[in-house]
């Protein structure tokens, strides 16, 4: 699996991919225990699939945070397979579920394409509620582009929390990025305006604009997001080129409702899912994909700089099962 910032040597790619796969497998171990192992126990020793078993299986799918729509579709698929005579063997049922999850997740596998020859600066507008790991995600993505020799600028448009600005500035210094901020309580769209103009003046490749970790239920804060997006588009036609929503895997179904609201408000072009290493709710990726049809750009399984990677559906499903 290729990933930004990694020298193009096959052996090193293999080592990094293996290292990340092991981390992913470990990170998904709680989801594996709460989902795959329960399916194994449910099917163990069963000779036939009856309605009681299907009901239990549907309950397991719901509990694994796959979402109502996905769980229902999977059960309907099993029922159709039974009618056709394809899924009489319980072990085949597990394979069917694995194949269907892979098929769903494959549709979300769209690595971000940054073409600086056509679009420069390339502008990220990064969104998400407080505590999802937004600042760290910006830092990690910026680090990887910076390690490719790209010139980065980070704008701190989360002006309500001084701690958020300080944390972002630490990341900017760490990755060698230019940093734009204003005083606490300033208009976030003014920071966005300054960031775009500074980026143009300094011949910057990529701009990351951090927005406030707003509660997705607060209408006035959502209106402010629209304003930031509008200002960015006015000062840099075509921008923001990526409206990246950061979601915390540990919130489960709540992540889907967050994504729906952000998408309805400003439109979301890509999703980064963090904290997969600390949850049994890894199935949420399937629910998000099935319900929202938004590309999953990145997944995170730890604190390290290389613990955020481009999403690879096959790798994810292999690690899960």
C-alpha atoms as a PDB file:
ATOM      1  CA  UNK A   1       0.000   0.000   0.000  1.00  0.00           C
ATOM      2  CA  UNK A   2       1.461   3.313  -1.020  1.00  0.00           C
ATOM      3  CA  UNK A   3       1.368   6.200   1.368  1.00  0.00           C
ATOM      4  CA  UNK A   4       2.527   9.755   1.188  1.00  0.00           C
ATOM      5  CA  UNK A   5       5.997  10.524   2.410  1.00  0.00           C
ATOM      6  CA  UNK A   6       7.358   6.982   2.090  1.00  0.00           C
ATOM      7  CA  UNK A   7      10.453   6.494  -0.118  1.00  0.00           C
ATOM      8  CA  UNK A   8       9.560   4.298  -3.060  1.00  0.00           C
ATOM      9  CA  UNK A   9      11.488   1.146  -2.202  1.00  0.00           C
ATOM     10  CA  UNK A  10       9.443  -2.086  -2.361  1.00  0.00           C
ATOM     11  CA  UNK A  11      11.062  -3.602   0.747  1.00  0.00           C
ATOM     12  CA  UNK A  12      10.443  -0.518   2.898  1.00  0.00           C
ATOM     13  CA  UNK A  13       6.853  -0.291   1.635  1.00  0.00           C
ATOM     14  CA  UNK A  14       6.373  -3.943   2.560  1.00  0.00           C
ATOM     15  CA  UNK A  15       7.813  -3.435   6.056  1.00  0.00           C
ATOM     16  CA  UNK A  16       5.695  -0.331   6.703  1.00  0.00           C
ATOM     17  CA  UNK A  17       2.578  -2.004   5.321  1.00  0.00           C
ATOM     18  CA  UNK A  18       3.173  -5.090   7.482  1.00  0.00           C
ATOM     19  CA  UNK A  19       3.841  -2.903  10.526  1.00  0.00           C
ATOM     20  CA  UNK A  20       0.620  -0.986   9.968  1.00  0.00           C
ATOM     21  CA  UNK A  21      -1.365  -4.154   9.236  1.00  0.00           C
ATOM     22  CA  UNK A  22      -0.267  -5.631  12.595  1.00  0.00           C
ATOM     23  CA  UNK A  23      -1.288  -2.380  14.308  1.00  0.00           C
ATOM     24  CA  UNK A  24      -4.605  -2.431  12.484  1.00  0.00           C
ATOM     25  CA  UNK A  25      -5.214  -6.053  13.470  1.00  0.00           C
ATOM     26  CA  UNK A  26      -4.402  -5.251  17.097  1.00  0.00           C
ATOM     27  CA  UNK A  27      -6.476  -2.066  16.918  1.00  0.00           C
ATOM     28  CA  UNK A  28      -9.479  -3.962  15.579  1.00  0.00           C
ATOM     29  CA  UNK A  29      -9.132  -6.785  18.125  1.00  0.00           C
ATOM     30  CA  UNK A  30     -12.008  -5.436  20.284  1.00  0.00           C
ATOM     31  CA  UNK A  31     -14.257  -5.209  17.221  1.00  0.00           C
ATOM     32  CA  UNK A  32     -13.126  -8.705  16.192  1.00  0.00           C
ATOM     33  CA  UNK A  33     -14.038 -10.060  19.639  1.00  0.00           C
ATOM     34  CA  UNK A  34     -17.378  -8.259  19.739  1.00  0.00           C
ATOM     35  CA  UNK A  35     -18.353  -9.193  16.207  1.00  0.00           C
ATOM     36  CA  UNK A  36     -16.440 -11.926  14.371  1.00  0.00           C
ATOM     37  CA  UNK A  37     -15.875 -14.167  17.422  1.00  0.00           C
ATOM     38  CA  UNK A  38     -19.566 -13.859  18.362  1.00  0.00           C
ATOM     39  CA  UNK A  39     -20.553 -14.922  14.841  1.00  0.00           C
ATOM     40  CA  UNK A  40     -18.174 -17.893  15.157  1.00  0.00           C
ATOM     41  CA  UNK A  41     -19.761 -18.905  18.486  1.00  0.00           C
ATOM     42  CA  UNK A  42     -23.265 -18.475  17.080  1.00  0.00           C
ATOM     43  CA  UNK A  43     -22.549 -20.691  14.071  1.00  0.00           C
ATOM     44  CA  UNK A  44     -20.408 -23.249  15.908  1.00  0.00           C
ATOM     45  CA  UNK A  45     -21.814 -26.775  15.585  1.00  0.00           C
ATOM     46  CA  UNK A  46     -24.912 -25.606  13.700  1.00  0.00           C
ATOM     47  CA  UNK A  47     -25.987 -27.908  10.885  1.00  0.00           C
ATOM     48  CA  UNK A  48     -28.736 -25.690   9.472  1.00  0.00           C
ATOM     49  CA  UNK A  49     -29.724 -22.034   9.485  1.00  0.00           C
ATOM     50  CA  UNK A  50     -33.171 -21.436  10.987  1.00  0.00           C
ATOM     51  CA  UNK A  51     -35.139 -18.257  11.781  1.00  0.00           C
ATOM     52  CA  UNK A  52     -33.964 -18.170  15.413  1.00  0.00           C
ATOM     53  CA  UNK A  53     -30.349 -18.192  14.265  1.00  0.00           C
ATOM     54  CA  UNK A  54     -31.064 -15.431  11.717  1.00  0.00           C
ATOM     55  CA  UNK A  55     -32.671 -13.301  14.454  1.00  0.00           C
ATOM     56  CA  UNK A  56     -29.607 -13.758  16.679  1.00  0.00           C
ATOM     57  CA  UNK A  57     -27.315 -12.948  13.772  1.00  0.00           C
ATOM     58  CA  UNK A  58     -29.241  -9.748  13.039  1.00  0.00           C
ATOM     59  CA  UNK A  59     -28.884  -8.756  16.700  1.00  0.00           C
ATOM     60  CA  UNK A  60     -25.114  -9.269  16.468  1.00  0.00           C
ATOM     61  CA  UNK A  61     -24.908  -7.076  13.361  1.00  0.00           C
ATOM     62  CA  UNK A  62     -26.876  -4.294  15.087  1.00  0.00           C
ATOM     63  CA  UNK A  63     -24.661  -4.526  18.175  1.00  0.00           C
ATOM     64  CA  UNK A  64     -21.517  -4.269  16.027  1.00  0.00           C
ATOM     65  CA  UNK A  65     -22.546  -0.737  14.919  1.00  0.00           C
ATOM     66  CA  UNK A  66     -22.975  -1.711  11.285  1.00  0.00           C
ATOM     67  CA  UNK A  67     -26.132   0.398  11.209  1.00  0.00           C
ATOM     68  CA  UNK A  68     -29.764  -0.585  10.715  1.00  0.00           C
ATOM     69  CA  UNK A  69     -29.727  -0.406   6.914  1.00  0.00           C
ATOM     70  CA  UNK A  70     -26.563  -2.490   6.545  1.00  0.00           C
ATOM     71  CA  UNK A  71     -27.657  -5.116   9.076  1.00  0.00           C
ATOM     72  CA  UNK A  72     -31.047  -5.504   7.381  1.00  0.00           C
ATOM     73  CA  UNK A  73     -29.439  -5.805   3.936  1.00  0.00           C
ATOM     74  CA  UNK A  74     -26.989  -8.458   5.157  1.00  0.00           C
ATOM     75  CA  UNK A  75     -29.770 -10.551   6.706  1.00  0.00           C
ATOM     76  CA  UNK A  76     -31.872 -10.237   3.546  1.00  0.00           C
ATOM     77  CA  UNK A  77     -28.837 -11.385   1.552  1.00  0.00           C
ATOM     78  CA  UNK A  78     -28.445 -14.432   3.810  1.00  0.00           C
ATOM     79  CA  UNK A  79     -32.169 -15.256   3.429  1.00  0.00           C
ATOM     80  CA  UNK A  80     -31.926 -15.047  -0.370  1.00  0.00           C
ATOM     81  CA  UNK A  81     -28.815 -17.238  -0.287  1.00  0.00           C
ATOM     82  CA  UNK A  82     -30.699 -19.813   1.784  1.00  0.00           C
ATOM     83  CA  UNK A  83     -33.573 -19.837  -0.717  1.00  0.00           C
ATOM     84  CA  UNK A  84     -31.133 -20.368  -3.580  1.00  0.00           C
ATOM     85  CA  UNK A  85     -29.351 -23.068  -1.602  1.00  0.00           C
ATOM     86  CA  UNK A  86     -26.015 -21.189  -1.636  1.00  0.00           C
ATOM     87  CA  UNK A  87     -25.679 -20.674   2.120  1.00  0.00           C
ATOM     88  CA  UNK A  88     -26.814 -23.931   3.731  1.00  0.00           C
ATOM     89  CA  UNK A  89     -23.387 -24.333   5.354  1.00  0.00           C
ATOM     90  CA  UNK A  90     -23.086 -21.998   8.400  1.00  0.00           C
ATOM     91  CA  UNK A  91     -19.384 -21.374   7.615  1.00  0.00           C
ATOM     92  CA  UNK A  92     -20.481 -20.095   4.198  1.00  0.00           C
ATOM     93  CA  UNK A  93     -22.716 -17.557   5.973  1.00  0.00           C
ATOM     94  CA  UNK A  94     -19.679 -16.016   7.671  1.00  0.00           C
ATOM     95  CA  UNK A  95     -17.853 -15.868   4.313  1.00  0.00           C
ATOM     96  CA  UNK A  96     -20.885 -14.175   2.746  1.00  0.00           C
ATOM     97  CA  UNK A  97     -20.917 -11.504   5.495  1.00  0.00           C
ATOM     98  CA  UNK A  98     -17.184 -10.915   5.056  1.00  0.00           C
ATOM     99  CA  UNK A  99     -17.557 -10.598   1.267  1.00  0.00           C
ATOM    100  CA  UNK A 100     -20.491  -8.190   1.584  1.00  0.00           C
ATOM    101  CA  UNK A 101     -18.658  -5.991   4.101  1.00  0.00           C
ATOM    102  CA  UNK A 102     -15.677  -5.860   1.736  1.00  0.00           C
ATOM    103  CA  UNK A 103     -17.967  -4.975  -1.189  1.00  0.00           C
ATOM    104  CA  UNK A 104     -19.530  -2.116   0.811  1.00  0.00           C
ATOM    105  CA  UNK A 105     -16.185  -0.770   2.056  1.00  0.00           C
ATOM    106  CA  UNK A 106     -14.596  -0.962  -1.410  1.00  0.00           C
ATOM    107  CA  UNK A 107     -17.049   1.734  -2.487  1.00  0.00           C
ATOM    108  CA  UNK A 108     -15.544   4.080   0.142  1.00  0.00           C
ATOM    109  CA  UNK A 109     -11.951   3.478  -0.929  1.00  0.00           C
ATOM    110  CA  UNK A 110     -11.044   6.689  -2.758  1.00  0.00           C
ATOM    111  CA  UNK A 111      -7.573   7.975  -1.796  1.00  0.00           C
ATOM    112  CA  UNK A 112      -7.377  11.752  -2.017  1.00  0.00           C
ATOM    113  CA  UNK A 113      -5.879  13.029  -5.266  1.00  0.00           C
ATOM    114  CA  UNK A 114      -3.830  16.201  -4.823  1.00  0.00           C
ATOM    115  CA  UNK A 115      -2.727  17.545  -8.201  1.00  0.00           C
ATOM    116  CA  UNK A 116      -0.628  20.636  -7.448  1.00  0.00           C
ATOM    117  CA  UNK A 117       0.049  21.191 -11.156  1.00  0.00           C
ATOM    118  CA  UNK A 118      -3.649  22.011 -11.560  1.00  0.00           C
ATOM    119  CA  UNK A 119      -4.640  23.163  -8.065  1.00  0.00           C
ATOM    120  CA  UNK A 120      -2.282  25.247  -5.959  1.00  0.00           C
ATOM    121  CA  UNK A 121      -2.645  25.932  -3.160  1.00  0.00           C
ATOM    122  CA  UNK A 122      -4.720  22.839  -2.390  1.00  0.00           C
ATOM    123  CA  UNK A 123      -7.000  23.763   0.516  1.00  0.00           C
ATOM    124  CA  UNK A 124      -8.263  21.416   3.218  1.00  0.00           C
ATOM    125  CA  UNK A 125     -11.107  22.611   5.439  1.00  0.00           C
ATOM    126  CA  UNK A 126     -11.098  20.267   8.437  1.00  0.00           C
ATOM    127  CA  UNK A 127     -14.205  19.792  10.588  1.00  0.00           C
ATOM    128  CA  UNK A 128     -15.425  17.710  13.504  1.00  0.00           C
ATOM    129  CA  UNK A 129     -16.768  17.975  17.044  1.00  0.00           C
ATOM    130  CA  UNK A 130     -14.453  18.519  20.008  1.00  0.00           C
ATOM    131  CA  UNK A 131     -12.384  15.550  21.097  1.00  0.00           C
ATOM    132  CA  UNK A 132     -12.370  13.558  17.862  1.00  0.00           C
ATOM    133  CA  UNK A 133      -8.645  14.093  17.218  1.00  0.00           C
ATOM    134  CA  UNK A 134      -8.997  16.836  14.603  1.00  0.00           C
ATOM    135  CA  UNK A 135      -5.823  18.737  15.474  1.00  0.00           C
ATOM    136  CA  UNK A 136      -3.712  15.567  15.567  1.00  0.00           C
ATOM    137  CA  UNK A 137      -5.186  14.445  12.235  1.00  0.00           C
ATOM    138  CA  UNK A 138      -4.247  17.777  10.618  1.00  0.00           C
ATOM    139  CA  UNK A 139      -0.747  17.470  12.078  1.00  0.00           C
ATOM    140  CA  UNK A 140      -0.261  13.932  10.770  1.00  0.00           C
ATOM    141  CA  UNK A 141      -1.524  14.664   7.244  1.00  0.00           C
ATOM    142  CA  UNK A 142       0.555  17.865   7.131  1.00  0.00           C
ATOM    143  CA  UNK A 143       3.600  15.901   8.308  1.00  0.00           C
ATOM    144  CA  UNK A 144       3.310  13.390   5.496  1.00  0.00           C
ATOM    145  CA  UNK A 145       3.025  16.062   2.806  1.00  0.00           C
ATOM    146  CA  UNK A 146       5.802  18.074   4.444  1.00  0.00           C
ATOM    147  CA  UNK A 147       8.083  15.020   4.386  1.00  0.00           C
ATOM    148  CA  UNK A 148       7.527  14.962   0.605  1.00  0.00           C
ATOM    149  CA  UNK A 149       9.004  18.452   0.442  1.00  0.00           C
ATOM    150  CA  UNK A 150       5.674  20.252   0.115  1.00  0.00           C
ATOM    151  CA  UNK A 151       5.262  23.730   1.599  1.00  0.00           C
ATOM    152  CA  UNK A 152       2.445  23.733   4.173  1.00  0.00           C
ATOM    153  CA  UNK A 153       0.405  26.446   5.865  1.00  0.00           C
ATOM    154  CA  UNK A 154      -1.970  25.801   8.780  1.00  0.00           C
ATOM    155  CA  UNK A 155      -4.687  28.278   9.743  1.00  0.00           C
ATOM    156  CA  UNK A 156      -6.161  28.150  13.252  1.00  0.00           C
ATOM    157  CA  UNK A 157      -9.800  29.101  12.640  1.00  0.00           C
ATOM    158  CA  UNK A 158     -10.891  27.457  15.897  1.00  0.00           C
ATOM    159  CA  UNK A 159     -10.591  30.793  17.685  1.00  0.00           C
ATOM    160  CA  UNK A 160     -12.783  29.945  20.675  1.00  0.00           C
ATOM    161  CA  UNK A 161     -10.358  27.658  22.465  1.00  0.00           C
ATOM    162  CA  UNK A 162      -6.869  28.991  23.132  1.00  0.00           C
ATOM    163  CA  UNK A 163      -5.700  25.430  23.900  1.00  0.00           C
ATOM    164  CA  UNK A 164      -6.739  24.307  20.397  1.00  0.00           C
ATOM    165  CA  UNK A 165      -4.675  27.086  18.805  1.00  0.00           C
ATOM    166  CA  UNK A 166      -1.651  26.258  20.989  1.00  0.00           C
ATOM    167  CA  UNK A 167      -1.865  22.553  20.183  1.00  0.00           C
ATOM    168  CA  UNK A 168      -2.119  23.298  16.460  1.00  0.00           C
ATOM    169  CA  UNK A 169       0.875  25.655  16.638  1.00  0.00           C
ATOM    170  CA  UNK A 170       2.936  22.880  18.247  1.00  0.00           C
ATOM    171  CA  UNK A 171       2.066  20.636  15.284  1.00  0.00           C
ATOM    172  CA  UNK A 172       2.857  23.424  12.783  1.00  0.00           C
ATOM    173  CA  UNK A 173       6.314  23.883  14.348  1.00  0.00           C
ATOM    174  CA  UNK A 174       6.836  20.137  14.423  1.00  0.00           C
ATOM    175  CA  UNK A 175       6.157  19.698  10.697  1.00  0.00           C
ATOM    176  CA  UNK A 176       7.789  22.960   9.612  1.00  0.00           C
ATOM    177  CA  UNK A 177       4.547  24.578   8.460  1.00  0.00           C
ATOM    178  CA  UNK A 178       3.683  28.282   8.346  1.00  0.00           C
ATOM    179  CA  UNK A 179       1.052  29.156  10.931  1.00  0.00           C
ATOM    180  CA  UNK A 180      -1.729  31.753  10.867  1.00  0.00           C
ATOM    181  CA  UNK A 181      -3.696  32.701  13.977  1.00  0.00           C
ATOM    182  CA  UNK A 182      -5.597  35.613  15.495  1.00  0.00           C
ATOM    183  CA  UNK A 183      -6.547  36.563  19.025  1.00  0.00           C
ATOM    184  CA  UNK A 184      -9.015  34.440  21.003  1.00  0.00           C
ATOM    185  CA  UNK A 185     -12.614  34.984  19.933  1.00  0.00           C
ATOM    186  CA  UNK A 186     -11.724  36.465  16.526  1.00  0.00           C
ATOM    187  CA  UNK A 187     -13.939  35.809  13.532  1.00  0.00           C
ATOM    188  CA  UNK A 188     -12.934  32.358  12.191  1.00  0.00           C
ATOM    189  CA  UNK A 189     -13.607  33.436   8.601  1.00  0.00           C
ATOM    190  CA  UNK A 190     -11.034  36.256   9.077  1.00  0.00           C
ATOM    191  CA  UNK A 191      -8.421  33.588   9.881  1.00  0.00           C
ATOM    192  CA  UNK A 192      -9.486  31.678   6.773  1.00  0.00           C
ATOM    193  CA  UNK A 193      -9.153  34.889   4.710  1.00  0.00           C
ATOM    194  CA  UNK A 194      -5.652  35.579   6.101  1.00  0.00           C
ATOM    195  CA  UNK A 195      -4.600  31.958   5.553  1.00  0.00           C
ATOM    196  CA  UNK A 196      -5.535  31.982   1.849  1.00  0.00           C
ATOM    197  CA  UNK A 197      -3.797  35.314   1.207  1.00  0.00           C
ATOM    198  CA  UNK A 198      -0.671  34.261   3.116  1.00  0.00           C
ATOM    199  CA  UNK A 199      -0.574  30.968   1.217  1.00  0.00           C
ATOM    200  CA  UNK A 200      -0.728  32.760  -2.140  1.00  0.00           C
ATOM    201  CA  UNK A 201       1.936  35.289  -1.117  1.00  0.00           C
ATOM    202  CA  UNK A 202       4.289  32.580   0.218  1.00  0.00           C
ATOM    203  CA  UNK A 203       3.909  30.183  -2.707  1.00  0.00           C
ATOM    204  CA  UNK A 204       2.378  27.486  -0.491  1.00  0.00           C
ATOM    205  CA  UNK A 205       1.421  24.013  -1.758  1.00  0.00           C
ATOM    206  CA  UNK A 206      -1.188  22.927   0.798  1.00  0.00           C
ATOM    207  CA  UNK A 207      -3.343  24.839   3.271  1.00  0.00           C
ATOM    208  CA  UNK A 208      -5.099  23.263   6.266  1.00  0.00           C
ATOM    209  CA  UNK A 209      -7.840  25.336   7.886  1.00  0.00           C
ATOM    210  CA  UNK A 210      -8.877  24.013  11.278  1.00  0.00           C
ATOM    211  CA  UNK A 211     -12.443  24.907  12.250  1.00  0.00           C
ATOM    212  CA  UNK A 212     -14.022  25.018  15.709  1.00  0.00           C
ATOM    213  CA  UNK A 213     -14.958  21.681  17.281  1.00  0.00           C
ATOM    214  CA  UNK A 214     -18.533  22.768  17.178  1.00  0.00           C
ATOM    215  CA  UNK A 215     -21.426  20.783  18.542  1.00  0.00           C
ATOM    216  CA  UNK A 216     -23.180  19.474  15.466  1.00  0.00           C
ATOM    217  CA  UNK A 217     -26.556  20.433  16.932  1.00  0.00           C
ATOM    218  CA  UNK A 218     -25.748  24.152  17.287  1.00  0.00           C
ATOM    219  CA  UNK A 219     -27.290  25.964  14.340  1.00  0.00           C
ATOM    220  CA  UNK A 220     -25.345  29.226  14.731  1.00  0.00           C
ATOM    221  CA  UNK A 221     -22.019  27.408  14.771  1.00  0.00           C
ATOM    222  CA  UNK A 222     -22.976  25.431  11.675  1.00  0.00           C
ATOM    223  CA  UNK A 223     -23.844  28.744   9.966  1.00  0.00           C
ATOM    224  CA  UNK A 224     -20.344  29.923  10.821  1.00  0.00           C
ATOM    225  CA  UNK A 225     -18.893  26.878   9.059  1.00  0.00           C
ATOM    226  CA  UNK A 226     -20.827  27.873   5.944  1.00  0.00           C
ATOM    227  CA  UNK A 227     -19.305  31.362   6.189  1.00  0.00           C
ATOM    228  CA  UNK A 228     -15.751  30.015   6.468  1.00  0.00           C
ATOM    229  CA  UNK A 229     -16.349  27.831   3.419  1.00  0.00           C
ATOM    230  CA  UNK A 230     -17.826  30.784   1.514  1.00  0.00           C
ATOM    231  CA  UNK A 231     -14.865  33.074   2.307  1.00  0.00           C
ATOM    232  CA  UNK A 232     -12.340  30.395   1.316  1.00  0.00           C
ATOM    233  CA  UNK A 233     -14.166  29.861  -1.997  1.00  0.00           C
ATOM    234  CA  UNK A 234     -14.345  33.590  -2.684  1.00  0.00           C
ATOM    235  CA  UNK A 235     -10.624  34.189  -2.085  1.00  0.00           C
ATOM    236  CA  UNK A 236      -9.481  30.978  -3.789  1.00  0.00           C
ATOM    237  CA  UNK A 237     -11.947  29.877  -6.511  1.00  0.00           C
ATOM    238  CA  UNK A 238     -12.607  26.133  -6.367  1.00  0.00           C
ATOM    239  CA  UNK A 239     -11.525  25.885  -2.720  1.00  0.00           C
ATOM    240  CA  UNK A 240     -11.879  24.275  -0.255  1.00  0.00           C
ATOM    241  CA  UNK A 241     -10.814  21.324  -2.379  1.00  0.00           C
ATOM    242  CA  UNK A 242     -11.275  18.837   0.455  1.00  0.00           C
ATOM    243  CA  UNK A 243     -13.937  19.194   3.150  1.00  0.00           C
ATOM    244  CA  UNK A 244     -12.543  16.620   5.549  1.00  0.00           C
ATOM    245  CA  UNK A 245     -14.686  15.464   8.459  1.00  0.00           C
ATOM    246  CA  UNK A 246     -12.898  13.805  11.371  1.00  0.00           C
ATOM    247  CA  UNK A 247     -14.955  11.215  13.270  1.00  0.00           C
ATOM    248  CA  UNK A 248     -14.129   9.303  16.440  1.00  0.00           C
ATOM    249  CA  UNK A 249     -14.795   5.556  15.994  1.00  0.00           C
ATOM    250  CA  UNK A 250     -15.539   5.145  19.714  1.00  0.00           C
ATOM    251  CA  UNK A 251     -18.762   7.186  19.358  1.00  0.00           C
ATOM    252  CA  UNK A 252     -20.377   4.467  17.218  1.00  0.00           C
ATOM    253  CA  UNK A 253     -23.790   5.362  15.780  1.00  0.00           C
ATOM    254  CA  UNK A 254     -23.385   8.969  16.933  1.00  0.00           C
ATOM    255  CA  UNK A 255     -20.660   9.339  14.295  1.00  0.00           C
ATOM    256  CA  UNK A 256     -23.241   8.667  11.568  1.00  0.00           C
ATOM    257  CA  UNK A 257     -25.587  11.393  12.835  1.00  0.00           C
ATOM    258  CA  UNK A 258     -22.622  13.816  13.082  1.00  0.00           C
ATOM    259  CA  UNK A 259     -21.598  13.020   9.510  1.00  0.00           C
ATOM    260  CA  UNK A 260     -25.162  13.507   8.221  1.00  0.00           C
ATOM    261  CA  UNK A 261     -25.443  16.968   9.804  1.00  0.00           C
ATOM    262  CA  UNK A 262     -22.033  18.191   8.640  1.00  0.00           C
ATOM    263  CA  UNK A 263     -22.762  16.860   5.167  1.00  0.00           C
ATOM    264  CA  UNK A 264     -26.145  18.592   5.029  1.00  0.00           C
ATOM    265  CA  UNK A 265     -24.612  21.863   6.267  1.00  0.00           C
ATOM    266  CA  UNK A 266     -21.447  22.273   4.178  1.00  0.00           C
ATOM    267  CA  UNK A 267     -20.985  19.038   2.247  1.00  0.00           C
ATOM    268  CA  UNK A 268     -18.297  16.525   3.188  1.00  0.00           C
ATOM    269  CA  UNK A 269     -15.908  15.257   0.505  1.00  0.00           C
ATOM    270  CA  UNK A 270     -13.918  12.875   2.697  1.00  0.00           C
ATOM    271  CA  UNK A 271     -13.831  11.297   6.149  1.00  0.00           C
ATOM    272  CA  UNK A 272     -10.989  10.490   8.529  1.00  0.00           C
ATOM    273  CA  UNK A 273     -11.864   7.965  11.256  1.00  0.00           C
ATOM    274  CA  UNK A 274      -9.703   8.081  14.374  1.00  0.00           C
ATOM    275  CA  UNK A 275      -9.275   5.952  17.517  1.00  0.00           C
ATOM    276  CA  UNK A 276     -10.024   2.592  15.893  1.00  0.00           C
ATOM    277  CA  UNK A 277      -7.503   1.108  18.334  1.00  0.00           C
ATOM    278  CA  UNK A 278      -9.605   1.936  21.382  1.00  0.00           C
ATOM    279  CA  UNK A 279     -13.033   0.636  20.485  1.00  0.00           C
ATOM    280  CA  UNK A 280     -15.244  -2.371  19.776  1.00  0.00           C
ATOM    281  CA  UNK A 281     -17.203  -0.146  17.360  1.00  0.00           C
ATOM    282  CA  UNK A 282     -14.985  -0.558  14.279  1.00  0.00           C
ATOM    283  CA  UNK A 283     -18.050  -1.743  12.377  1.00  0.00           C
ATOM    284  CA  UNK A 284     -19.100   1.897  12.211  1.00  0.00           C
ATOM    285  CA  UNK A 285     -17.030   2.243   9.016  1.00  0.00           C
ATOM    286  CA  UNK A 286     -19.494  -0.075   7.292  1.00  0.00           C
ATOM    287  CA  UNK A 287     -22.525   1.866   8.541  1.00  0.00           C
ATOM    288  CA  UNK A 288     -21.030   5.226   7.529  1.00  0.00           C
ATOM    289  CA  UNK A 289     -20.173   3.937   4.051  1.00  0.00           C
ATOM    290  CA  UNK A 290     -23.556   2.338   3.432  1.00  0.00           C
ATOM    291  CA  UNK A 291     -25.604   5.274   4.722  1.00  0.00           C
ATOM    292  CA  UNK A 292     -23.591   8.257   3.476  1.00  0.00           C
ATOM    293  CA  UNK A 293     -21.602   7.129   0.416  1.00  0.00           C
ATOM    294  CA  UNK A 294     -18.765   9.516   1.377  1.00  0.00           C
ATOM    295  CA  UNK A 295     -15.168   8.393   0.733  1.00  0.00           C
ATOM    296  CA  UNK A 296     -13.165   7.303   3.765  1.00  0.00           C
ATOM    297  CA  UNK A 297      -9.786   8.942   3.181  1.00  0.00           C
ATOM    298  CA  UNK A 298      -7.877   7.986   6.334  1.00  0.00           C
ATOM    299  CA  UNK A 299      -8.085   5.697   9.351  1.00  0.00           C
ATOM    300  CA  UNK A 300      -6.129   6.128  12.576  1.00  0.00           C
ATOM    301  CA  UNK A 301      -5.001   3.399  14.957  1.00  0.00           C
ATOM    302  CA  UNK A 302      -2.681   5.169  17.365  1.00  0.00           C
ATOM    303  CA  UNK A 303      -0.773   8.265  18.421  1.00  0.00           C
ATOM    304  CA  UNK A 304       2.323   7.840  16.241  1.00  0.00           C
ATOM    305  CA  UNK A 305       2.955   9.964  13.152  1.00  0.00           C
ATOM    306  CA  UNK A 306       2.567   6.916  10.914  1.00  0.00           C
ATOM    307  CA  UNK A 307      -0.570   5.629  12.668  1.00  0.00           C
ATOM    308  CA  UNK A 308      -2.863   7.523  10.303  1.00  0.00           C
ATOM    309  CA  UNK A 309      -3.057   5.864   6.883  1.00  0.00           C
ATOM    310  CA  UNK A 310      -4.992   5.972   3.653  1.00  0.00           C
ATOM    311  CA  UNK A 311      -7.990   3.680   3.943  1.00  0.00           C
ATOM    312  CA  UNK A 312      -7.609   0.296   2.243  1.00  0.00           C
ATOM    313  CA  UNK A 313     -10.806  -1.801   2.332  1.00  0.00           C
ATOM    314  CA  UNK A 314      -9.173  -5.204   1.724  1.00  0.00           C
ATOM    315  CA  UNK A 315      -6.594  -4.583   4.442  1.00  0.00           C
ATOM    316  CA  UNK A 316      -9.282  -3.442   6.877  1.00  0.00           C
ATOM    317  CA  UNK A 317     -11.522  -6.481   6.305  1.00  0.00           C
ATOM    318  CA  UNK A 318      -8.563  -8.869   6.450  1.00  0.00           C
ATOM    319  CA  UNK A 319      -7.475  -7.346   9.775  1.00  0.00           C
ATOM    320  CA  UNK A 320     -11.040  -7.480  11.137  1.00  0.00           C
ATOM    321  CA  UNK A 321     -11.681 -11.103  10.236  1.00  0.00           C
END
